[in-house]
Protein backbone atom coordinates (compact mmCIF):
# COMPACT_ATOMS: atom_id res chain seq x y z
CA MET A 1 228.69 167.47 26.09
CA THR A 2 232.17 166.28 28.14
CA ALA A 3 232.34 162.96 29.45
CA ALA A 4 232.39 162.23 33.12
CA GLN A 5 235.59 161.83 34.30
CA PRO A 6 236.21 158.85 36.34
CA ARG A 7 236.49 159.21 40.46
CA GLN A 8 239.86 158.65 41.89
CA GLN A 9 240.23 155.07 43.51
CA ALA A 10 239.88 155.42 47.41
CA ILE A 11 243.38 155.46 49.18
CA VAL A 12 243.33 152.35 51.23
CA TRP A 13 246.44 152.63 53.31
CA ASP A 14 245.66 156.15 53.71
CA ILE A 15 242.15 154.80 55.36
CA VAL A 16 243.76 152.12 57.68
CA VAL A 17 246.07 154.43 59.01
CA SER A 18 243.18 157.22 59.44
CA VAL A 19 241.18 154.85 61.57
CA VAL A 20 244.05 153.34 63.51
CA VAL A 21 244.94 156.96 64.71
CA TRP A 22 241.40 157.82 65.67
CA VAL A 23 240.80 154.48 67.54
CA LEU A 24 244.55 155.89 69.27
CA THR A 25 243.04 159.21 69.82
CA VAL A 26 239.97 158.29 71.56
CA ALA A 27 241.90 155.93 73.67
CA VAL A 28 244.16 158.34 74.69
CA VAL A 29 241.91 160.95 75.53
CA CYS A 30 239.76 158.82 77.42
CA ILE A 31 242.94 157.42 79.70
CA ALA A 32 243.99 161.06 79.86
CA ALA A 33 240.54 161.66 81.57
CA PHE A 34 240.45 158.81 83.56
CA LEU A 35 243.89 159.62 85.14
CA ALA A 36 242.60 163.30 85.36
CA PHE A 37 239.89 162.24 87.75
CA PHE A 38 242.24 160.26 89.99
CA ARG A 39 244.71 162.81 89.84
CA LEU A 40 241.98 164.98 91.53
CA ALA A 41 240.38 162.63 93.38
CA PHE A 42 243.38 161.64 95.57
CA VAL A 43 244.46 165.11 96.31
CA ASP A 44 244.39 164.48 100.27
CA TYR A 45 246.97 167.09 101.33
CA CYS A 46 246.97 170.47 100.04
CA PRO A 47 248.84 173.42 101.75
CA PRO A 48 247.10 176.58 101.70
CA GLY A 49 249.66 178.63 100.69
CA SER A 50 250.87 176.57 98.00
CA CYS A 51 247.89 175.11 96.70
CA ASP A 52 244.92 176.12 94.55
CA ALA A 53 242.56 172.98 94.13
CA GLY A 54 240.25 175.04 92.13
CA ALA A 55 242.86 176.09 89.33
CA ALA A 56 243.96 172.20 89.12
CA VAL A 57 239.99 171.27 88.18
CA ALA A 58 240.16 174.22 86.26
CA ALA A 59 243.35 173.14 84.01
CA LEU A 60 242.23 169.43 83.66
CA PHE A 61 238.84 170.63 82.78
CA ALA A 62 239.99 172.88 80.18
CA ALA A 63 243.00 170.18 78.54
CA GLY A 64 239.81 167.51 78.46
CA ALA A 65 237.57 170.25 76.86
CA ALA A 66 240.27 171.23 74.45
CA SER A 67 241.57 167.68 73.46
CA VAL A 68 237.89 166.68 73.00
CA ILE A 69 237.56 169.89 70.33
CA VAL A 70 240.41 169.13 68.61
CA ALA A 71 239.66 165.13 68.20
CA VAL A 72 236.35 166.34 66.75
CA ILE A 73 237.70 168.72 64.49
CA GLY A 74 240.25 166.52 63.25
CA PHE A 75 238.15 163.62 62.67
CA ALA A 76 235.72 165.68 60.87
CA TRP A 77 238.06 167.31 58.10
CA GLY A 78 239.88 163.67 57.93
CA LEU A 79 236.55 162.39 57.28
CA VAL A 80 235.78 165.06 54.65
CA ARG A 81 239.22 164.50 53.16
CA MET A 82 238.50 161.05 52.77
CA ILE A 83 235.26 161.49 51.26
CA LEU A 84 237.13 163.37 48.76
CA ARG A 85 239.75 160.92 47.84
CA ARG A 86 242.73 162.96 49.68
CA THR A 87 245.39 162.14 51.98
CA SER A 88 243.95 162.19 55.64
CA TRP A 89 246.50 160.30 58.03
CA TRP A 90 248.50 163.59 58.33
CA ILE A 91 245.46 165.45 60.04
CA THR A 92 244.42 162.36 62.29
CA ILE A 93 248.25 162.25 63.48
CA GLY A 94 248.37 166.07 63.61
CA ALA A 95 245.17 165.84 66.21
CA LEU A 96 246.56 163.14 67.91
CA VAL A 97 249.72 165.11 68.78
CA LEU A 98 247.32 168.09 69.63
CA CYS A 99 245.44 166.00 71.94
CA VAL A 100 248.58 164.70 73.50
CA ALA A 101 249.56 168.39 73.96
CA CYS A 102 246.85 169.57 75.48
CA TRP A 103 246.72 166.88 78.20
CA ALA A 104 250.40 167.40 78.87
CA VAL A 105 249.84 171.09 79.70
CA GLY A 106 247.12 170.45 81.29
CA PHE A 107 248.62 167.97 83.59
CA VAL A 108 251.81 170.07 84.18
CA SER A 109 249.17 173.33 85.02
CA ALA A 110 247.47 170.94 87.79
CA SER A 111 250.64 169.88 89.35
CA GLY A 112 251.81 173.85 89.40
CA SER A 113 248.33 174.48 91.01
CA ILE A 114 248.49 171.95 93.49
CA GLY A 115 252.46 172.25 94.52
CA TRP A 116 253.50 169.02 93.12
């Protein structure tokens, strides 16, 4: 019989950084969704030749859905790595960066669709 190997210590700084970045990710997604709602709510003048409000709605909806999917996958993957006592801070930061990128592409696409 072999003796059971002791379990590794939890990496406290990694857990703290990951949790803080998760909170920031949720805040970014919520704030961007709020801004997207108001971006579309106040489209008063939409010239027919250069404006497609449906495409703007689709772009922002896709950006929101993509950012939520990225955030959930980043959360799950980071949590699994934490449970396995491996570093996960880089996964949570990557998820945050990808969420910001999703919203940036969505806002730029919506602006192009509306003609701003």
